[in-house]
């Protein structure tokens, strides 16, 4: 066996041992820590739950990222604070979709729903139908609440994904070219959005 092959064998052996040590020193503890971090999301996960299967993991991850970047992040304060604010806003929006509290949000704007108890009215001899006991005005109000709830849901969904998507960098280039004062043009333009930039 020549010297180069011996060196390759040693290098391969060293790499394998290093990977083995790193697994137990770093990867396994990180795995256990992450299982604990996502424990509630893991045991509540259901593959058929649509947004309720995915959004809880995003909420937990963003809360953790926001906290740790705030405490340990090395980024300068201005842009870091903007990112943290947008992360926290994303967490709020995700919580809205987890709780599905859009009717409650609509009620805060235009008033509470009118609740009713159903009455049974005889429609023909021996046959009854169920009708609510709301007035026409109350029924119209309830309809407005439900319509506003759907609007709020759509608005918040769009806001969430605008935060995740972030700004168009080409717009910054144009902003920088047009700006008379070139000092801190990035801080003036950047609003903290964009998941791809939320790292430290």
Protein backbone atom coordinates (compact mmCIF):
# COMPACT_ATOMS: atom_id res chain seq x y z
CA UNK A 1 0.00 0.00 0.00
CA UNK A 2 1.52 3.33 -1.01
CA UNK A 3 1.72 6.42 1.17
CA UNK A 4 -1.22 8.28 -0.47
CA UNK A 5 -3.60 5.38 0.11
CA UNK A 6 -2.51 5.12 3.73
CA UNK A 7 -3.12 8.85 4.16
CA UNK A 8 -6.58 8.55 2.55
CA UNK A 9 -7.45 5.66 4.88
CA UNK A 10 -6.30 7.64 7.91
CA UNK A 11 -8.24 10.73 6.78
CA UNK A 12 -11.37 8.65 6.24
CA UNK A 13 -11.00 6.99 9.63
CA UNK A 14 -10.44 10.38 11.30
CA UNK A 15 -13.50 11.85 9.56
CA UNK A 16 -15.67 8.90 10.66
CA UNK A 17 -14.52 9.13 14.27
CA UNK A 18 -15.02 12.91 14.27
CA UNK A 19 -18.56 12.53 12.91
CA UNK A 20 -19.30 9.90 15.54
CA UNK A 21 -18.06 12.17 18.34
CA UNK A 22 -19.91 15.20 16.95
CA UNK A 23 -23.14 13.20 16.82
CA UNK A 24 -23.06 12.47 20.55
CA UNK A 25 -21.57 15.81 21.52
CA UNK A 26 -23.72 18.14 19.43
CA UNK A 27 -26.38 16.49 17.26
CA UNK A 28 -27.99 14.20 19.83
CA UNK A 29 -28.28 16.87 22.56
CA UNK A 30 -29.68 19.30 19.97
CA UNK A 31 -32.20 16.68 18.89
CA UNK A 32 -33.35 16.10 22.48
CA UNK A 33 -33.58 19.86 23.06
CA UNK A 34 -35.65 20.33 19.91
CA UNK A 35 -37.99 17.48 20.80
CA UNK A 36 -38.64 19.25 24.10
CA UNK A 37 -39.06 22.62 22.38
CA UNK A 38 -41.63 21.24 19.91
CA UNK A 39 -43.18 18.69 22.29
CA UNK A 40 -46.71 20.17 22.25
CA UNK A 41 -46.66 20.60 18.49
CA UNK A 42 -45.41 17.02 18.04
CA UNK A 43 -48.05 15.29 20.10
CA UNK A 44 -50.82 17.47 18.65
CA UNK A 45 -49.68 16.91 15.07
CA UNK A 46 -52.20 15.26 12.75
CA UNK A 47 -51.35 14.79 9.08
CA UNK A 48 -54.93 15.61 8.04
CA UNK A 49 -55.16 18.90 9.94
CA UNK A 50 -53.98 21.25 7.18
CA UNK A 51 -52.83 24.57 8.61
CA UNK A 52 -53.22 23.22 12.15
CA UNK A 53 -50.53 20.64 11.41
CA UNK A 54 -47.97 23.15 10.10
CA UNK A 55 -48.57 26.51 11.76
CA UNK A 56 -47.88 25.43 15.38
CA UNK A 57 -44.34 24.41 14.42
CA UNK A 58 -43.82 27.78 12.72
CA UNK A 59 -45.13 29.62 15.78
CA UNK A 60 -42.81 27.75 18.15
CA UNK A 61 -39.78 28.18 15.89
CA UNK A 62 -40.36 31.90 15.38
CA UNK A 63 -40.89 32.51 19.11
CA UNK A 64 -37.63 30.72 19.84
CA UNK A 65 -35.75 32.55 17.07
CA UNK A 66 -37.09 35.94 18.16
CA UNK A 67 -36.13 35.42 21.79
CA UNK A 68 -32.63 34.10 21.11
CA UNK A 69 -31.79 36.64 18.41
CA UNK A 70 -32.93 39.40 20.76
CA UNK A 71 -30.74 38.12 23.61
CA UNK A 72 -27.73 36.69 21.79
CA UNK A 73 -27.85 38.22 18.31
CA UNK A 74 -24.80 40.09 17.06
CA UNK A 75 -26.63 42.14 14.43
CA UNK A 76 -26.73 45.90 14.84
CA UNK A 77 -29.71 47.13 16.84
CA UNK A 78 -31.76 48.94 14.18
CA UNK A 79 -32.31 46.10 11.73
CA UNK A 80 -32.38 43.47 14.49
CA UNK A 81 -35.23 45.23 16.29
CA UNK A 82 -37.21 45.45 13.04
CA UNK A 83 -36.75 41.72 12.42
CA UNK A 84 -37.80 40.83 15.96
CA UNK A 85 -40.91 43.00 15.68
CA UNK A 86 -41.93 41.25 12.45
CA UNK A 87 -41.23 37.81 13.92
CA UNK A 88 -43.44 38.62 16.89
CA UNK A 89 -46.14 39.94 14.59
CA UNK A 90 -45.97 36.72 12.56
CA UNK A 91 -46.37 34.73 15.79
CA UNK A 92 -49.48 36.78 16.64
CA UNK A 93 -50.96 36.17 13.20
CA UNK A 94 -50.22 32.44 13.32
CA UNK A 95 -51.91 32.27 16.73
CA UNK A 96 -55.01 33.85 15.20
CA UNK A 97 -55.19 31.01 12.69
CA UNK A 98 -54.54 28.36 15.31
CA UNK A 99 -57.30 29.81 17.52
CA UNK A 100 -59.55 30.69 14.57
CA UNK A 101 -60.73 33.75 16.48
CA UNK A 102 -61.83 35.82 13.50
CA UNK A 103 -65.45 36.06 14.65
CA UNK A 104 -64.25 37.42 18.01
CA UNK A 105 -62.11 40.00 16.19
CA UNK A 106 -65.09 41.00 14.04
CA UNK A 107 -67.30 41.29 17.12
CA UNK A 108 -64.81 43.71 18.67
CA UNK A 109 -65.20 45.94 15.62
CA UNK A 110 -68.94 45.88 14.96
CA UNK A 111 -70.59 44.31 18.00
CA UNK A 112 -71.33 40.88 19.39
CA UNK A 113 -73.39 38.28 17.57
CA UNK A 114 -77.01 37.98 18.57
CA UNK A 115 -77.52 34.52 20.00
CA UNK A 116 -80.77 32.73 19.53
CA UNK A 117 -82.68 29.71 20.64
CA UNK A 118 -84.45 27.73 18.00
CA UNK A 119 -88.21 27.44 18.02
CA UNK A 120 -90.18 24.64 16.45
CA UNK A 121 -93.10 25.81 14.35
CA UNK A 122 -95.74 23.54 12.94
CA UNK A 123 -95.48 23.79 9.18
CA UNK A 124 -98.29 21.35 8.44
CA UNK A 125 -100.37 19.02 10.57
CA UNK A 126 -97.97 16.82 12.50
CA UNK A 127 -94.83 18.33 10.89
CA UNK A 128 -92.59 20.91 12.51
CA UNK A 129 -89.68 22.96 11.30
CA UNK A 130 -86.96 24.69 13.27
CA UNK A 131 -86.72 28.47 13.00
CA UNK A 132 -84.60 30.98 14.86
CA UNK A 133 -86.22 33.71 16.90
CA UNK A 134 -84.05 36.61 15.73
CA UNK A 135 -85.46 39.79 14.29
CA UNK A 136 -84.55 40.80 10.74
CA UNK A 137 -82.25 43.50 12.13
CA UNK A 138 -80.45 40.99 14.35
CA UNK A 139 -80.08 38.56 11.45
CA UNK A 140 -78.58 41.30 9.27
CA UNK A 141 -76.14 42.21 12.04
CA UNK A 142 -75.02 38.60 12.43
CA UNK A 143 -74.49 38.35 8.68
CA UNK A 144 -72.26 41.44 8.78
CA UNK A 145 -70.22 39.94 11.61
CA UNK A 146 -69.64 36.72 9.65
CA UNK A 147 -68.74 38.66 6.50
CA UNK A 148 -66.30 40.85 8.41
CA UNK A 149 -64.78 37.76 10.04
CA UNK A 150 -64.05 36.31 6.59
CA UNK A 151 -62.50 39.61 5.51
CA UNK A 152 -60.29 39.72 8.61
CA UNK A 153 -59.17 36.14 8.02
CA UNK A 154 -58.14 36.98 4.46
CA UNK A 155 -56.39 40.20 5.50
CA UNK A 156 -54.40 38.50 8.26
CA UNK A 157 -53.47 35.56 6.01
CA UNK A 158 -52.12 37.95 3.37
CA UNK A 159 -50.25 39.97 6.01
CA UNK A 160 -48.63 36.82 7.41
CA UNK A 161 -47.27 35.72 4.04
CA UNK A 162 -46.12 39.22 3.14
CA UNK A 163 -44.05 39.17 6.33
CA UNK A 164 -42.66 35.74 5.48
CA UNK A 165 -41.96 36.68 1.85
CA UNK A 166 -40.21 39.95 2.62
CA UNK A 167 -39.35 42.91 0.44
CA UNK A 168 -38.15 42.92 -3.14
CA UNK A 169 -34.42 43.63 -3.13
CA UNK A 170 -34.68 45.26 -6.57
CA UNK A 171 -36.83 47.94 -4.94
CA UNK A 172 -33.98 48.70 -2.53
CA UNK A 173 -31.60 49.21 -5.44
CA UNK A 174 -34.01 51.75 -6.94
CA UNK A 175 -34.59 53.35 -3.53
CA UNK A 176 -30.84 53.69 -3.00
CA UNK A 177 -30.30 55.26 -6.42
CA UNK A 178 -33.07 57.84 -5.88
CA UNK A 179 -32.12 58.66 -2.28
CA UNK A 180 -30.36 62.03 -1.98
CA UNK A 181 -28.92 61.16 1.40
CA UNK A 182 -26.96 57.91 0.98
CA UNK A 183 -26.41 57.51 4.73
CA UNK A 184 -28.21 54.51 6.21
CA UNK A 185 -30.29 53.88 3.09
CA UNK A 186 -30.69 50.21 4.05
CA UNK A 187 -32.08 51.06 7.49
CA UNK A 188 -34.49 53.54 5.94
CA UNK A 189 -35.78 51.00 3.42
CA UNK A 190 -35.66 47.71 5.34
CA UNK A 191 -38.84 46.95 7.30
CA UNK A 192 -37.78 43.72 9.02
CA UNK A 193 -39.77 41.31 6.85
CA UNK A 194 -38.38 38.27 5.04
CA UNK A 195 -37.87 34.84 6.60
CA UNK A 196 -34.77 34.27 4.46
CA UNK A 197 -33.05 37.13 6.29
CA UNK A 198 -34.01 36.10 9.83
CA UNK A 199 -30.69 34.64 10.83
CA UNK A 200 -27.79 35.82 12.93
